[in-house]
């Protein structure tokens, strides 16, 4: 993609068990600088923020991020503090030979994420000089760490966890994970489309 589609401004990577609102995706991609550079009340009025001190800290974090924005975009559901699983019975087992450290760098889950062209090119060139890793999302997190690419957590709009369907909540989403039944996915997408959100 980095070589053959270098004029494409954005690339969405998505698994087949995600609901995607193309309308909300296009809205975000047209206005992502506003989202990154101009905070909204919603960004600081999240249910995860318990009091004014948390909101003030979120504002400070946003200001620091704004000053550091370098034109590369990598957004999705962020895992900021994941650890390799060392249990032999785990589906995600990683030996010390495969990864010797006790924590992964922050990474965006591989199920649904959006990058711009500059980010894709930087990740591609970093991959040429990096040993591969069996988990693609962690691997991209390692590459992003090496290239000093700021990962942007978009968990308010891209959900890694399966959400119970609520038309209001889905009206603001770009993507939601956990649709193993294509008929159910089609039904929800059609309802959101009829409401003007898909």
N, C-alpha and C. Protein backbone atom coordinates (compact mmCIF):
# COMPACT_ATOMS: atom_id res chain seq x y z
N UNK A 1 0.83 -1.19 0.00
CA UNK A 1 0.00 0.00 0.00
C UNK A 1 0.87 1.26 0.00
N UNK A 2 1.95 1.22 0.80
CA UNK A 2 2.82 2.40 0.87
C UNK A 2 3.46 2.70 -0.48
N UNK A 3 3.73 1.66 -1.28
CA UNK A 3 4.36 1.87 -2.59
C UNK A 3 3.35 2.15 -3.69
N UNK A 4 2.24 1.41 -3.69
CA UNK A 4 1.32 1.46 -4.82
C UNK A 4 0.14 2.40 -4.63
N UNK A 5 -0.14 2.80 -3.42
CA UNK A 5 -1.29 3.68 -3.16
C UNK A 5 -0.84 4.92 -2.40
N UNK A 6 0.29 5.48 -2.81
CA UNK A 6 0.86 6.58 -2.03
C UNK A 6 0.13 7.91 -2.19
N UNK A 7 -0.90 7.97 -3.04
CA UNK A 7 -1.70 9.18 -3.16
C UNK A 7 -2.99 9.11 -2.35
N UNK A 8 -3.25 7.95 -1.74
CA UNK A 8 -4.46 7.77 -0.94
C UNK A 8 -4.26 8.48 0.40
N UNK A 9 -5.15 9.41 0.78
CA UNK A 9 -4.91 10.18 2.00
C UNK A 9 -5.09 9.38 3.29
N UNK A 10 -6.05 8.44 3.32
CA UNK A 10 -6.33 7.67 4.54
C UNK A 10 -6.49 6.20 4.19
N UNK A 11 -6.14 5.36 5.15
CA UNK A 11 -6.32 3.92 4.99
C UNK A 11 -6.98 3.41 6.26
N UNK A 12 -8.11 2.73 6.08
CA UNK A 12 -8.82 2.11 7.19
C UNK A 12 -8.54 0.62 7.15
N UNK A 13 -8.06 0.08 8.25
CA UNK A 13 -7.88 -1.35 8.42
C UNK A 13 -9.02 -1.83 9.31
N UNK A 14 -9.73 -2.86 8.88
CA UNK A 14 -10.89 -3.30 9.66
C UNK A 14 -11.12 -4.80 9.47
N UNK A 15 -11.45 -5.47 10.56
CA UNK A 15 -11.81 -6.88 10.53
C UNK A 15 -13.26 -7.03 10.08
N UNK A 16 -13.62 -8.24 9.67
CA UNK A 16 -14.96 -8.46 9.12
C UNK A 16 -16.05 -8.57 10.18
N UNK A 17 -15.70 -8.53 11.46
CA UNK A 17 -16.72 -8.60 12.51
C UNK A 17 -16.97 -7.23 13.16
N UNK A 18 -16.70 -6.18 12.42
CA UNK A 18 -16.93 -4.81 12.88
C UNK A 18 -18.10 -4.18 12.13
N UNK A 19 -18.91 -3.47 12.88
CA UNK A 19 -19.88 -2.54 12.28
C UNK A 19 -19.09 -1.28 11.95
N UNK A 20 -19.28 -0.74 10.75
CA UNK A 20 -18.61 0.49 10.35
C UNK A 20 -19.65 1.47 9.82
N UNK A 21 -19.61 2.69 10.33
CA UNK A 21 -20.42 3.77 9.79
C UNK A 21 -19.54 4.57 8.85
N UNK A 22 -19.75 4.37 7.55
CA UNK A 22 -18.97 5.10 6.55
C UNK A 22 -19.21 6.61 6.70
N UNK A 23 -20.44 6.98 7.01
CA UNK A 23 -20.78 8.40 7.18
C UNK A 23 -19.93 9.02 8.30
N UNK A 24 -19.87 8.35 9.46
CA UNK A 24 -19.09 8.88 10.58
C UNK A 24 -17.58 8.82 10.30
N UNK A 25 -17.16 7.80 9.56
CA UNK A 25 -15.75 7.70 9.18
C UNK A 25 -15.36 8.86 8.28
N UNK A 26 -16.18 9.16 7.28
CA UNK A 26 -15.89 10.28 6.38
C UNK A 26 -15.94 11.61 7.12
N UNK A 27 -16.90 11.74 8.02
CA UNK A 27 -17.00 12.97 8.83
C UNK A 27 -15.73 13.16 9.66
N UNK A 28 -15.24 12.09 10.28
CA UNK A 28 -14.01 12.19 11.06
C UNK A 28 -12.81 12.51 10.16
N UNK A 29 -12.70 11.80 9.03
CA UNK A 29 -11.52 12.00 8.18
C UNK A 29 -11.47 13.41 7.58
N UNK A 30 -12.64 14.01 7.34
CA UNK A 30 -12.67 15.40 6.84
C UNK A 30 -12.34 16.40 7.94
N UNK A 31 -12.60 16.03 9.19
CA UNK A 31 -12.46 16.98 10.29
C UNK A 31 -11.47 16.52 11.37
N UNK A 32 -10.59 15.60 11.05
CA UNK A 32 -9.74 15.06 12.11
C UNK A 32 -8.82 16.10 12.73
N UNK A 33 -8.40 17.07 11.95
CA UNK A 33 -7.55 18.12 12.54
C UNK A 33 -8.32 18.91 13.58
N UNK A 34 -9.58 19.15 13.32
CA UNK A 34 -10.40 19.86 14.31
C UNK A 34 -10.51 19.02 15.58
N UNK A 35 -10.72 17.73 15.42
CA UNK A 35 -10.81 16.85 16.58
C UNK A 35 -9.51 16.86 17.38
N UNK A 36 -8.40 16.85 16.67
CA UNK A 36 -7.10 16.79 17.35
C UNK A 36 -6.71 18.15 17.91
N UNK A 37 -6.99 19.21 17.16
CA UNK A 37 -6.50 20.53 17.55
C UNK A 37 -7.48 21.37 18.36
N UNK A 38 -8.78 21.09 18.25
CA UNK A 38 -9.76 21.88 18.97
C UNK A 38 -10.60 20.97 19.85
N UNK A 39 -10.43 21.02 21.13
CA UNK A 39 -11.21 20.13 21.99
C UNK A 39 -12.68 20.53 22.02
N UNK A 40 -13.52 19.54 22.21
CA UNK A 40 -14.93 19.80 22.40
C UNK A 40 -15.29 19.46 23.84
N UNK A 41 -16.44 19.91 24.26
CA UNK A 41 -16.90 19.58 25.60
C UNK A 41 -16.99 18.08 25.79
N UNK A 42 -17.40 17.36 24.72
CA UNK A 42 -17.53 15.90 24.83
C UNK A 42 -16.20 15.25 25.17
N UNK A 43 -15.10 15.78 24.63
CA UNK A 43 -13.81 15.19 24.90
C UNK A 43 -13.45 15.29 26.39
N UNK A 44 -13.97 16.29 27.07
CA UNK A 44 -13.62 16.48 28.47
C UNK A 44 -14.76 16.16 29.41
N UNK A 45 -15.88 15.75 28.88
CA UNK A 45 -17.04 15.45 29.72
C UNK A 45 -17.38 13.97 29.62
N UNK A 46 -16.38 13.15 29.67
CA UNK A 46 -16.54 11.71 29.51
C UNK A 46 -16.93 11.08 30.84
N UNK A 47 -17.65 9.98 30.77
CA UNK A 47 -18.06 9.30 32.00
C UNK A 47 -16.88 8.73 32.76
N UNK A 48 -15.73 8.55 32.06
CA UNK A 48 -14.53 8.07 32.74
C UNK A 48 -13.90 9.16 33.62
N UNK A 49 -14.24 10.42 33.34
CA UNK A 49 -13.67 11.51 34.11
C UNK A 49 -14.57 11.79 35.30
N UNK A 50 -14.01 11.59 36.49
CA UNK A 50 -14.86 11.60 37.68
C UNK A 50 -15.08 12.98 38.28
N UNK A 51 -14.18 13.91 38.07
CA UNK A 51 -14.36 15.22 38.68
C UNK A 51 -13.63 16.28 37.87
N UNK A 52 -13.71 17.52 38.35
CA UNK A 52 -13.08 18.63 37.65
C UNK A 52 -11.58 18.45 37.50
N UNK A 53 -10.95 17.84 38.51
CA UNK A 53 -9.51 17.62 38.43
C UNK A 53 -9.17 16.70 37.26
N UNK A 54 -9.99 15.64 37.04
CA UNK A 54 -9.78 14.75 35.90
C UNK A 54 -9.98 15.50 34.58
N UNK A 55 -10.98 16.36 34.53
CA UNK A 55 -11.25 17.13 33.32
C UNK A 55 -10.10 18.09 33.06
N UNK A 56 -9.59 18.73 34.11
CA UNK A 56 -8.45 19.63 33.93
C UNK A 56 -7.22 18.87 33.43
N UNK A 57 -7.01 17.66 33.94
CA UNK A 57 -5.88 16.85 33.49
C UNK A 57 -6.05 16.47 32.02
N UNK A 58 -7.29 16.14 31.63
CA UNK A 58 -7.56 15.82 30.22
C UNK A 58 -7.26 17.03 29.33
N UNK A 59 -7.59 18.23 29.80
CA UNK A 59 -7.30 19.44 29.03
C UNK A 59 -5.79 19.65 28.91
N UNK A 60 -5.06 19.42 29.98
CA UNK A 60 -3.60 19.54 29.94
C UNK A 60 -3.02 18.53 28.96
N UNK A 61 -3.51 17.28 29.02
CA UNK A 61 -3.04 16.24 28.10
C UNK A 61 -3.30 16.65 26.65
N UNK A 62 -4.51 17.20 26.40
CA UNK A 62 -4.85 17.63 25.06
C UNK A 62 -3.91 18.73 24.58
N UNK A 63 -3.62 19.72 25.43
CA UNK A 63 -2.72 20.81 25.04
C UNK A 63 -1.33 20.29 24.71
N UNK A 64 -0.85 19.33 25.50
CA UNK A 64 0.46 18.75 25.22
C UNK A 64 0.44 18.02 23.88
N UNK A 65 -0.66 17.28 23.63
CA UNK A 65 -0.76 16.56 22.36
C UNK A 65 -0.83 17.54 21.19
N UNK A 66 -1.57 18.62 21.34
CA UNK A 66 -1.71 19.61 20.27
C UNK A 66 -0.36 20.18 19.89
N UNK A 67 0.46 20.47 20.90
CA UNK A 67 1.77 21.04 20.63
C UNK A 67 2.69 20.03 19.94
N UNK A 68 2.41 18.73 20.11
CA UNK A 68 3.29 17.70 19.57
C UNK A 68 2.80 17.14 18.23
N UNK A 69 1.65 17.55 17.73
CA UNK A 69 1.11 16.96 16.51
C UNK A 69 2.01 17.26 15.32
N UNK A 70 2.43 16.20 14.64
CA UNK A 70 3.40 16.34 13.55
C UNK A 70 2.85 15.97 12.18
N UNK A 71 1.54 15.84 12.06
CA UNK A 71 0.94 15.55 10.77
C UNK A 71 0.66 14.08 10.51
N UNK A 72 1.13 13.21 11.39
CA UNK A 72 0.87 11.78 11.21
C UNK A 72 -0.36 11.40 12.03
N UNK A 73 -1.21 10.59 11.42
CA UNK A 73 -2.46 10.20 12.07
C UNK A 73 -2.50 8.69 12.24
N UNK A 74 -2.74 8.25 13.47
CA UNK A 74 -2.89 6.83 13.77
C UNK A 74 -3.91 6.76 14.90
N UNK A 75 -5.16 6.42 14.57
CA UNK A 75 -6.24 6.45 15.55
C UNK A 75 -6.96 5.11 15.62
N UNK A 76 -7.49 4.84 16.79
CA UNK A 76 -8.27 3.62 17.02
C UNK A 76 -8.46 3.44 18.52
N UNK A 77 -8.71 2.20 18.91
CA UNK A 77 -8.89 1.88 20.32
C UNK A 77 -7.52 1.55 20.90
N UNK A 78 -7.05 2.39 21.80
CA UNK A 78 -5.69 2.30 22.33
C UNK A 78 -5.61 1.38 23.55
N UNK A 79 -4.61 0.52 23.53
CA UNK A 79 -4.22 -0.24 24.71
C UNK A 79 -2.90 0.36 25.20
N UNK A 80 -2.95 1.19 26.25
CA UNK A 80 -1.75 1.91 26.66
C UNK A 80 -0.77 1.12 27.52
N UNK A 81 -1.23 0.08 28.22
CA UNK A 81 -0.38 -0.61 29.20
C UNK A 81 -0.52 -2.12 29.16
N UNK A 82 -0.43 -2.72 28.01
CA UNK A 82 -0.59 -4.18 27.92
C UNK A 82 0.72 -4.89 28.22
N UNK A 83 0.56 -6.09 28.75
CA UNK A 83 1.72 -6.92 29.10
C UNK A 83 1.68 -8.21 28.30
N UNK A 84 2.84 -8.75 27.95
CA UNK A 84 2.86 -10.06 27.29
C UNK A 84 2.30 -11.12 28.25
N UNK A 85 1.53 -12.03 27.71
CA UNK A 85 0.99 -13.12 28.53
C UNK A 85 1.97 -14.27 28.50
N UNK A 86 2.40 -14.70 29.66
CA UNK A 86 3.44 -15.73 29.78
C UNK A 86 2.86 -17.10 30.16
N UNK A 87 1.54 -17.21 30.26
CA UNK A 87 0.92 -18.50 30.59
C UNK A 87 0.93 -19.40 29.36
N UNK A 88 1.47 -20.59 29.49
CA UNK A 88 1.58 -21.49 28.35
C UNK A 88 0.23 -21.83 27.71
N UNK A 89 -0.83 -21.78 28.48
CA UNK A 89 -2.15 -22.15 27.95
C UNK A 89 -2.86 -20.98 27.28
N UNK A 90 -2.29 -19.79 27.35
CA UNK A 90 -2.95 -18.61 26.78
C UNK A 90 -2.87 -18.62 25.25
N UNK A 91 -3.95 -18.22 24.64
CA UNK A 91 -4.00 -18.06 23.19
C UNK A 91 -2.97 -17.03 22.73
N UNK A 92 -2.66 -16.06 23.57
CA UNK A 92 -1.73 -14.99 23.24
C UNK A 92 -0.39 -15.14 23.95
N UNK A 93 0.00 -16.38 24.19
CA UNK A 93 1.27 -16.66 24.88
C UNK A 93 2.45 -16.10 24.09
N UNK A 94 3.34 -15.47 24.83
CA UNK A 94 4.59 -14.96 24.26
C UNK A 94 5.73 -15.40 25.17
N UNK A 95 6.71 -16.06 24.60
CA UNK A 95 7.86 -16.50 25.39
C UNK A 95 8.84 -15.34 25.57
N UNK A 96 9.75 -15.49 26.50
CA UNK A 96 10.78 -14.47 26.70
C UNK A 96 11.71 -14.37 25.50
N UNK A 97 11.86 -15.47 24.76
CA UNK A 97 12.69 -15.42 23.55
C UNK A 97 12.02 -14.57 22.46
N UNK A 98 10.69 -14.61 22.42
CA UNK A 98 9.97 -13.83 21.41
C UNK A 98 9.91 -12.35 21.77
N UNK A 99 9.77 -12.07 23.08
CA UNK A 99 9.67 -10.68 23.55
C UNK A 99 10.16 -10.65 24.99
N UNK A 100 11.31 -10.04 25.21
CA UNK A 100 11.95 -10.15 26.52
C UNK A 100 11.47 -9.15 27.56
N UNK A 101 10.76 -8.10 27.13
CA UNK A 101 10.34 -7.07 28.07
C UNK A 101 9.01 -7.44 28.73
N UNK A 102 8.68 -6.77 29.84
CA UNK A 102 7.47 -7.13 30.58
C UNK A 102 6.26 -6.26 30.21
N UNK A 103 6.44 -5.32 29.29
CA UNK A 103 5.32 -4.49 28.85
C UNK A 103 5.48 -4.17 27.37
N UNK A 104 4.33 -4.14 26.67
CA UNK A 104 4.35 -3.72 25.28
C UNK A 104 4.30 -2.19 25.23
N UNK A 105 4.82 -1.61 24.16
CA UNK A 105 4.56 -0.17 23.99
C UNK A 105 3.06 0.01 23.73
N UNK A 106 2.54 1.20 23.92
CA UNK A 106 1.12 1.43 23.60
C UNK A 106 0.85 1.01 22.16
N UNK A 107 -0.33 0.43 21.94
CA UNK A 107 -0.70 0.04 20.58
C UNK A 107 -2.20 0.18 20.39
N UNK A 108 -2.56 0.36 19.13
CA UNK A 108 -3.96 0.43 18.72
C UNK A 108 -4.39 -0.97 18.32
N UNK A 109 -5.55 -1.41 18.80
CA UNK A 109 -6.00 -2.74 18.44
C UNK A 109 -6.11 -2.87 16.92
N UNK A 110 -5.74 -4.04 16.42
CA UNK A 110 -5.68 -4.26 14.98
C UNK A 110 -7.03 -4.44 14.31
N UNK A 111 -8.11 -4.55 15.08
CA UNK A 111 -9.42 -4.81 14.49
C UNK A 111 -9.98 -3.68 13.67
N UNK A 112 -9.67 -2.44 14.06
CA UNK A 112 -10.19 -1.27 13.33
C UNK A 112 -9.33 -0.07 13.68
N UNK A 113 -8.62 0.43 12.69
CA UNK A 113 -7.84 1.65 12.92
C UNK A 113 -7.67 2.41 11.61
N UNK A 114 -7.41 3.69 11.76
CA UNK A 114 -7.27 4.59 10.63
C UNK A 114 -5.91 5.26 10.70
N UNK A 115 -5.22 5.28 9.57
CA UNK A 115 -3.93 5.99 9.47
C UNK A 115 -3.98 6.89 8.25
N UNK A 116 -3.14 7.90 8.27
CA UNK A 116 -2.98 8.69 7.05
C UNK A 116 -1.76 8.17 6.30
N UNK A 117 -1.56 8.71 5.10
CA UNK A 117 -0.52 8.19 4.22
C UNK A 117 0.87 8.34 4.82
N UNK A 118 1.15 9.46 5.45
CA UNK A 118 2.48 9.67 6.03
C UNK A 118 2.78 8.63 7.12
N UNK A 119 1.78 8.32 7.92
CA UNK A 119 1.95 7.32 8.96
C UNK A 119 2.24 5.95 8.34
N UNK A 120 1.47 5.61 7.32
CA UNK A 120 1.66 4.32 6.65
C UNK A 120 3.06 4.20 6.08
N UNK A 121 3.53 5.25 5.44
CA UNK A 121 4.88 5.22 4.87
C UNK A 121 5.93 5.05 5.96
N UNK A 122 5.79 5.77 7.06
CA UNK A 122 6.75 5.65 8.17
C UNK A 122 6.72 4.25 8.78
N UNK A 123 5.52 3.68 8.94
CA UNK A 123 5.43 2.32 9.48
C UNK A 123 6.07 1.32 8.51
N UNK A 124 5.84 1.51 7.24
CA UNK A 124 6.42 0.62 6.24
C UNK A 124 7.96 0.64 6.32
N UNK A 125 8.55 1.83 6.30
CA UNK A 125 10.01 1.90 6.34
C UNK A 125 10.58 1.39 7.65
N UNK A 126 9.87 1.62 8.73
CA UNK A 126 10.31 1.07 10.01
C UNK A 126 10.29 -0.46 9.98
N UNK A 127 9.30 -1.03 9.30
CA UNK A 127 9.18 -2.50 9.24
C UNK A 127 10.35 -3.13 8.49
N UNK A 128 10.97 -2.39 7.58
CA UNK A 128 12.10 -2.93 6.82
C UNK A 128 13.31 -3.18 7.71
N UNK A 129 13.35 -2.50 8.86
CA UNK A 129 14.49 -2.60 9.76
C UNK A 129 14.11 -3.19 11.12
N UNK A 130 12.96 -3.85 11.17
CA UNK A 130 12.47 -4.39 12.44
C UNK A 130 12.12 -5.86 12.28
N UNK A 131 12.44 -6.62 13.30
CA UNK A 131 12.09 -8.03 13.30
C UNK A 131 10.57 -8.17 13.42
N UNK A 132 10.01 -9.10 12.67
CA UNK A 132 8.55 -9.28 12.70
C UNK A 132 8.10 -9.84 14.05
N UNK A 133 6.82 -9.70 14.30
CA UNK A 133 6.22 -10.14 15.56
C UNK A 133 4.88 -10.77 15.23
N UNK A 134 4.48 -11.78 15.99
CA UNK A 134 3.30 -12.55 15.59
C UNK A 134 1.97 -11.84 15.79
N UNK A 135 1.90 -10.80 16.57
CA UNK A 135 0.66 -10.07 16.76
C UNK A 135 0.76 -8.73 16.04
N UNK A 136 -0.04 -8.59 14.99
CA UNK A 136 0.11 -7.43 14.11
C UNK A 136 -0.12 -6.10 14.81
N UNK A 137 -1.10 -6.04 15.72
CA UNK A 137 -1.37 -4.76 16.37
C UNK A 137 -0.23 -4.36 17.31
N UNK A 138 0.32 -5.33 18.03
CA UNK A 138 1.46 -5.04 18.90
C UNK A 138 2.67 -4.66 18.05
N UNK A 139 2.85 -5.37 16.95
CA UNK A 139 3.96 -5.08 16.04
C UNK A 139 3.88 -3.64 15.52
N UNK A 140 2.69 -3.22 15.11
CA UNK A 140 2.54 -1.84 14.64
C UNK A 140 2.78 -0.85 15.77
N UNK A 141 2.41 -1.22 17.00
CA UNK A 141 2.72 -0.38 18.15
C UNK A 141 4.22 -0.24 18.37
N UNK A 142 4.94 -1.34 18.17
CA UNK A 142 6.41 -1.31 18.28
C UNK A 142 6.99 -0.40 17.20
N UNK A 143 6.49 -0.54 15.98
CA UNK A 143 6.98 0.31 14.88
C UNK A 143 6.66 1.78 15.15
N UNK A 144 5.44 2.04 15.62
CA UNK A 144 5.05 3.43 15.93
C UNK A 144 5.93 4.00 17.03
N UNK A 145 6.24 3.20 18.03
CA UNK A 145 7.12 3.63 19.12
C UNK A 145 8.50 4.00 18.56
N UNK A 146 9.01 3.16 17.70
CA UNK A 146 10.34 3.42 17.12
C UNK A 146 10.35 4.67 16.25
N UNK A 147 9.24 4.94 15.60
CA UNK A 147 9.15 6.10 14.71
C UNK A 147 8.59 7.33 15.42
N UNK A 148 8.36 7.21 16.72
CA UNK A 148 7.83 8.31 17.53
C UNK A 148 6.50 8.84 16.96
N UNK A 149 5.63 7.90 16.58
CA UNK A 149 4.30 8.24 16.08
C UNK A 149 3.35 8.27 17.27
N UNK A 150 2.67 9.37 17.44
CA UNK A 150 1.71 9.53 18.53
C UNK A 150 0.44 8.76 18.19
N UNK A 151 0.05 7.85 19.07
CA UNK A 151 -1.19 7.09 18.89
C UNK A 151 -2.33 7.87 19.52
N UNK A 152 -3.45 7.95 18.81
CA UNK A 152 -4.58 8.72 19.29
C UNK A 152 -5.71 7.77 19.64
N UNK A 153 -6.13 7.83 20.90
CA UNK A 153 -7.18 6.95 21.40
C UNK A 153 -8.54 7.49 20.97
N UNK A 154 -9.26 6.69 20.22
CA UNK A 154 -10.56 7.10 19.71
C UNK A 154 -11.64 6.15 20.23
N UNK A 155 -11.48 5.73 21.50
CA UNK A 155 -12.40 4.72 22.04
C UNK A 155 -13.84 5.21 22.14
N UNK A 156 -14.05 6.52 22.09
CA UNK A 156 -15.42 7.02 22.09
C UNK A 156 -16.12 6.74 20.76
N UNK A 157 -15.34 6.51 19.70
CA UNK A 157 -15.92 6.30 18.39
C UNK A 157 -15.59 4.95 17.77
N UNK A 158 -14.57 4.28 18.28
CA UNK A 158 -14.22 2.94 17.80
C UNK A 158 -14.14 2.04 19.03
N UNK A 159 -15.07 1.11 19.10
CA UNK A 159 -15.15 0.25 20.28
C UNK A 159 -14.53 -1.12 19.99
N UNK A 160 -13.58 -1.50 20.82
CA UNK A 160 -12.98 -2.83 20.71
C UNK A 160 -13.90 -3.89 21.29
N UNK A 161 -14.63 -3.51 22.32
CA UNK A 161 -15.51 -4.46 23.01
C UNK A 161 -16.88 -4.48 22.35
N UNK A 162 -17.50 -5.63 22.40
CA UNK A 162 -18.83 -5.78 21.83
C UNK A 162 -19.82 -4.94 22.64
N UNK A 163 -20.56 -4.10 21.95
CA UNK A 163 -21.53 -3.22 22.61
C UNK A 163 -22.94 -3.73 22.37
N UNK A 164 -23.76 -3.61 23.39
CA UNK A 164 -25.19 -3.88 23.20
C UNK A 164 -25.73 -2.78 22.31
N UNK A 165 -26.55 -3.18 21.34
CA UNK A 165 -27.02 -2.18 20.38
C UNK A 165 -27.95 -1.17 21.02
N UNK A 166 -27.61 0.08 20.80
CA UNK A 166 -28.42 1.22 21.20
C UNK A 166 -28.28 2.23 20.07
N UNK A 167 -29.39 2.59 19.42
CA UNK A 167 -29.31 3.42 18.22
C UNK A 167 -28.63 4.75 18.47
N UNK A 168 -28.81 5.31 19.66
CA UNK A 168 -28.20 6.61 19.98
C UNK A 168 -26.68 6.48 20.09
N UNK A 169 -26.24 5.45 20.81
CA UNK A 169 -24.81 5.23 20.98
C UNK A 169 -24.16 4.95 19.62
N UNK A 170 -24.80 4.11 18.80
CA UNK A 170 -24.23 3.75 17.51
C UNK A 170 -24.25 4.93 16.53
N UNK A 171 -25.10 5.91 16.77
CA UNK A 171 -25.16 7.05 15.86
C UNK A 171 -23.88 7.87 15.88
N UNK A 172 -23.07 7.72 16.92
CA UNK A 172 -21.82 8.48 17.05
C UNK A 172 -20.58 7.64 16.75
N UNK A 173 -20.77 6.33 16.56
CA UNK A 173 -19.63 5.43 16.37
C UNK A 173 -19.12 5.43 14.93
N UNK A 174 -17.82 5.22 14.82
CA UNK A 174 -17.23 4.86 13.53
C UNK A 174 -17.26 3.35 13.39
N UNK A 175 -16.88 2.64 14.47
CA UNK A 175 -16.84 1.19 14.40
C UNK A 175 -17.12 0.54 15.74
N UNK A 176 -17.69 -0.66 15.66
CA UNK A 176 -17.96 -1.45 16.87
C UNK A 176 -17.68 -2.92 16.58
N UNK A 177 -16.99 -3.56 17.47
CA UNK A 177 -16.52 -4.93 17.32
C UNK A 177 -17.54 -5.95 17.81
N UNK A 178 -17.39 -7.18 17.37
CA UNK A 178 -18.12 -8.30 17.96
C UNK A 178 -19.34 -8.77 17.20
N UNK A 179 -19.42 -8.49 15.91
CA UNK A 179 -20.57 -8.93 15.12
C UNK A 179 -20.23 -10.22 14.38
N UNK A 180 -20.53 -11.35 15.03
CA UNK A 180 -20.21 -12.64 14.44
C UNK A 180 -21.32 -13.14 13.53
N UNK A 181 -22.51 -12.56 13.66
CA UNK A 181 -23.65 -12.91 12.83
C UNK A 181 -23.83 -11.82 11.77
N UNK A 182 -23.55 -12.13 10.49
CA UNK A 182 -23.66 -11.10 9.46
C UNK A 182 -25.08 -10.56 9.29
N UNK A 183 -26.07 -11.37 9.57
CA UNK A 183 -27.45 -10.89 9.46
C UNK A 183 -27.74 -9.82 10.52
N UNK A 184 -27.24 -10.05 11.73
CA UNK A 184 -27.41 -9.06 12.80
C UNK A 184 -26.69 -7.75 12.44
N UNK A 185 -25.49 -7.89 11.90
CA UNK A 185 -24.71 -6.72 11.47
C UNK A 185 -25.46 -5.95 10.38
N UNK A 186 -26.00 -6.66 9.42
CA UNK A 186 -26.75 -6.04 8.32
C UNK A 186 -27.99 -5.32 8.85
N UNK A 187 -28.66 -5.94 9.81
CA UNK A 187 -29.87 -5.35 10.40
C UNK A 187 -29.53 -4.02 11.09
N UNK A 188 -28.48 -4.01 11.88
CA UNK A 188 -28.08 -2.79 12.60
C UNK A 188 -27.62 -1.72 11.62
N UNK A 189 -26.84 -2.12 10.62
CA UNK A 189 -26.37 -1.14 9.64
C UNK A 189 -27.56 -0.52 8.91
N UNK A 190 -28.52 -1.34 8.52
CA UNK A 190 -29.70 -0.82 7.83
C UNK A 190 -30.51 0.14 8.70
N UNK A 191 -30.63 -0.18 9.98
CA UNK A 191 -31.36 0.71 10.88
C UNK A 191 -30.61 2.04 11.02
N UNK A 192 -29.30 1.98 11.20
CA UNK A 192 -28.51 3.21 11.31
C UNK A 192 -28.55 4.01 10.01
N UNK A 193 -28.55 3.33 8.89
CA UNK A 193 -28.65 4.02 7.61
C UNK A 193 -29.99 4.73 7.48
N UNK A 194 -31.07 4.05 7.87
CA UNK A 194 -32.40 4.67 7.77
C UNK A 194 -32.52 5.88 8.69
N UNK A 195 -31.74 5.89 9.79
CA UNK A 195 -31.75 7.03 10.71
C UNK A 195 -30.77 8.14 10.27
N UNK A 196 -29.98 7.85 9.23
CA UNK A 196 -29.06 8.84 8.70
C UNK A 196 -27.67 8.82 9.31
N UNK A 197 -27.28 7.71 9.94
CA UNK A 197 -26.00 7.65 10.64
C UNK A 197 -24.99 6.68 10.05
N UNK A 198 -25.38 5.92 9.03
CA UNK A 198 -24.44 4.93 8.47
C UNK A 198 -24.06 5.27 7.04
